[in-house]
């Protein structure tokens, strides 16, 4: 089952729930990111 649950706050890519698993990352600020954008954001925060 594939259900659209939102879009990436960074790139605008659609994020889906696939068979009960959220296919992205939800931050404490309630923003959704795809895995690619989230990894990029984390790397920027670790190595400013």
N, C-alpha and C. Protein backbone atom coordinates (compact mmCIF):
# COMPACT_ATOMS: atom_id res chain seq x y z
N UNK A 1 0.84 -1.18 0.00
CA UNK A 1 0.00 0.00 0.00
C UNK A 1 0.89 1.24 0.00
N UNK A 2 0.55 2.22 -0.79
CA UNK A 2 1.32 3.45 -0.93
C UNK A 2 0.38 4.62 -0.73
N UNK A 3 0.66 5.45 0.28
CA UNK A 3 -0.22 6.58 0.59
C UNK A 3 0.61 7.86 0.71
N UNK A 4 0.21 8.89 -0.03
CA UNK A 4 0.87 10.18 0.04
C UNK A 4 0.59 10.82 1.40
N UNK A 5 1.67 11.22 2.11
CA UNK A 5 1.49 11.84 3.42
C UNK A 5 2.01 13.28 3.48
N UNK A 6 2.72 13.72 2.46
CA UNK A 6 3.20 15.09 2.46
C UNK A 6 4.28 15.31 1.42
N UNK A 7 4.94 16.46 1.53
CA UNK A 7 6.03 16.80 0.63
C UNK A 7 7.25 17.21 1.43
N UNK A 8 8.41 17.07 0.83
CA UNK A 8 9.66 17.46 1.47
C UNK A 8 9.68 18.98 1.63
N UNK A 9 10.03 19.44 2.81
CA UNK A 9 10.09 20.88 3.09
C UNK A 9 11.22 21.57 2.34
N UNK A 10 12.17 20.80 1.85
CA UNK A 10 13.33 21.36 1.17
C UNK A 10 13.16 21.35 -0.36
N UNK A 11 12.92 20.16 -0.93
CA UNK A 11 12.89 20.04 -2.39
C UNK A 11 11.50 19.90 -2.98
N UNK A 12 10.50 19.64 -2.15
CA UNK A 12 9.13 19.53 -2.63
C UNK A 12 8.75 18.15 -3.14
N UNK A 13 9.64 17.18 -3.00
CA UNK A 13 9.36 15.81 -3.44
C UNK A 13 8.24 15.21 -2.60
N UNK A 14 7.36 14.43 -3.22
CA UNK A 14 6.29 13.75 -2.50
C UNK A 14 6.87 12.69 -1.58
N UNK A 15 6.34 12.61 -0.35
CA UNK A 15 6.77 11.61 0.62
C UNK A 15 5.58 10.70 0.89
N UNK A 16 5.83 9.40 0.84
CA UNK A 16 4.78 8.41 0.97
C UNK A 16 4.96 7.56 2.21
N UNK A 17 3.87 6.96 2.64
CA UNK A 17 3.87 5.91 3.64
C UNK A 17 3.78 4.62 2.84
N UNK A 18 4.81 3.77 2.94
CA UNK A 18 4.85 2.53 2.17
C UNK A 18 4.67 1.35 3.10
N UNK A 19 3.54 0.68 2.99
CA UNK A 19 3.22 -0.49 3.81
C UNK A 19 3.40 -0.22 5.30
N UNK A 20 3.02 0.96 5.74
CA UNK A 20 3.07 1.30 7.16
C UNK A 20 4.36 1.96 7.61
N UNK A 21 5.31 2.17 6.71
CA UNK A 21 6.58 2.81 7.06
C UNK A 21 6.67 4.18 6.39
N UNK A 22 6.94 5.21 7.19
CA UNK A 22 7.09 6.57 6.68
C UNK A 22 8.39 6.65 5.90
N UNK A 23 8.31 7.02 4.65
CA UNK A 23 9.46 7.04 3.75
C UNK A 23 10.12 8.42 3.75
N UNK A 24 10.51 8.88 4.93
CA UNK A 24 11.15 10.17 5.09
C UNK A 24 11.49 10.40 6.54
N UNK A 25 11.73 11.67 6.90
CA UNK A 25 12.11 12.03 8.26
C UNK A 25 11.22 13.18 8.73
N UNK A 26 10.69 13.05 9.94
CA UNK A 26 9.89 14.11 10.56
C UNK A 26 10.74 14.71 11.68
N UNK A 27 10.99 16.01 11.62
CA UNK A 27 11.82 16.66 12.64
C UNK A 27 10.97 17.04 13.85
N UNK A 28 11.65 17.49 14.91
CA UNK A 28 10.96 17.95 16.11
C UNK A 28 10.07 19.16 15.82
N UNK A 29 10.43 19.92 14.79
CA UNK A 29 9.64 21.10 14.40
C UNK A 29 8.46 20.72 13.51
N UNK A 30 8.20 19.42 13.34
CA UNK A 30 7.08 18.89 12.54
C UNK A 30 7.24 19.18 11.05
N UNK A 31 8.49 19.22 10.58
CA UNK A 31 8.75 19.38 9.15
C UNK A 31 9.16 18.04 8.58
N UNK A 32 8.69 17.73 7.38
CA UNK A 32 9.00 16.47 6.71
C UNK A 32 10.10 16.70 5.68
N UNK A 33 11.03 15.76 5.62
CA UNK A 33 12.11 15.80 4.65
C UNK A 33 12.29 14.43 4.02
N UNK A 34 12.65 14.40 2.73
CA UNK A 34 13.03 13.13 2.11
C UNK A 34 14.41 12.77 2.67
N UNK A 35 14.79 11.51 2.53
CA UNK A 35 16.06 11.06 3.12
C UNK A 35 17.25 11.81 2.54
N UNK A 36 17.24 12.11 1.25
CA UNK A 36 18.36 12.80 0.60
C UNK A 36 18.57 14.19 1.18
N UNK A 37 17.50 14.97 1.30
CA UNK A 37 17.60 16.33 1.84
C UNK A 37 18.00 16.30 3.31
N UNK A 38 17.45 15.36 4.06
CA UNK A 38 17.77 15.28 5.49
C UNK A 38 19.25 14.97 5.71
N UNK A 39 19.81 14.06 4.91
CA UNK A 39 21.24 13.76 5.02
C UNK A 39 22.07 15.00 4.70
N UNK A 40 21.68 15.76 3.69
CA UNK A 40 22.40 16.97 3.30
C UNK A 40 22.35 18.00 4.43
N UNK A 41 21.18 18.17 5.03
CA UNK A 41 21.02 19.13 6.13
C UNK A 41 21.87 18.71 7.33
N UNK A 42 21.88 17.44 7.64
CA UNK A 42 22.67 16.94 8.78
C UNK A 42 24.16 17.16 8.56
N UNK A 43 24.64 16.92 7.33
CA UNK A 43 26.06 17.12 7.02
C UNK A 43 26.44 18.59 7.15
N UNK A 44 25.55 19.49 6.72
CA UNK A 44 25.83 20.93 6.83
C UNK A 44 25.89 21.35 8.30
N UNK A 45 25.04 20.79 9.14
CA UNK A 45 25.03 21.14 10.55
C UNK A 45 26.24 20.58 11.29
N UNK A 46 26.75 19.42 10.86
CA UNK A 46 27.91 18.82 11.50
C UNK A 46 29.20 19.52 11.09
N UNK A 47 29.28 19.95 9.83
CA UNK A 47 30.49 20.59 9.28
C UNK A 47 30.15 21.97 8.73
N UNK A 48 29.96 22.93 9.59
CA UNK A 48 29.57 24.28 9.10
C UNK A 48 30.66 24.96 8.30
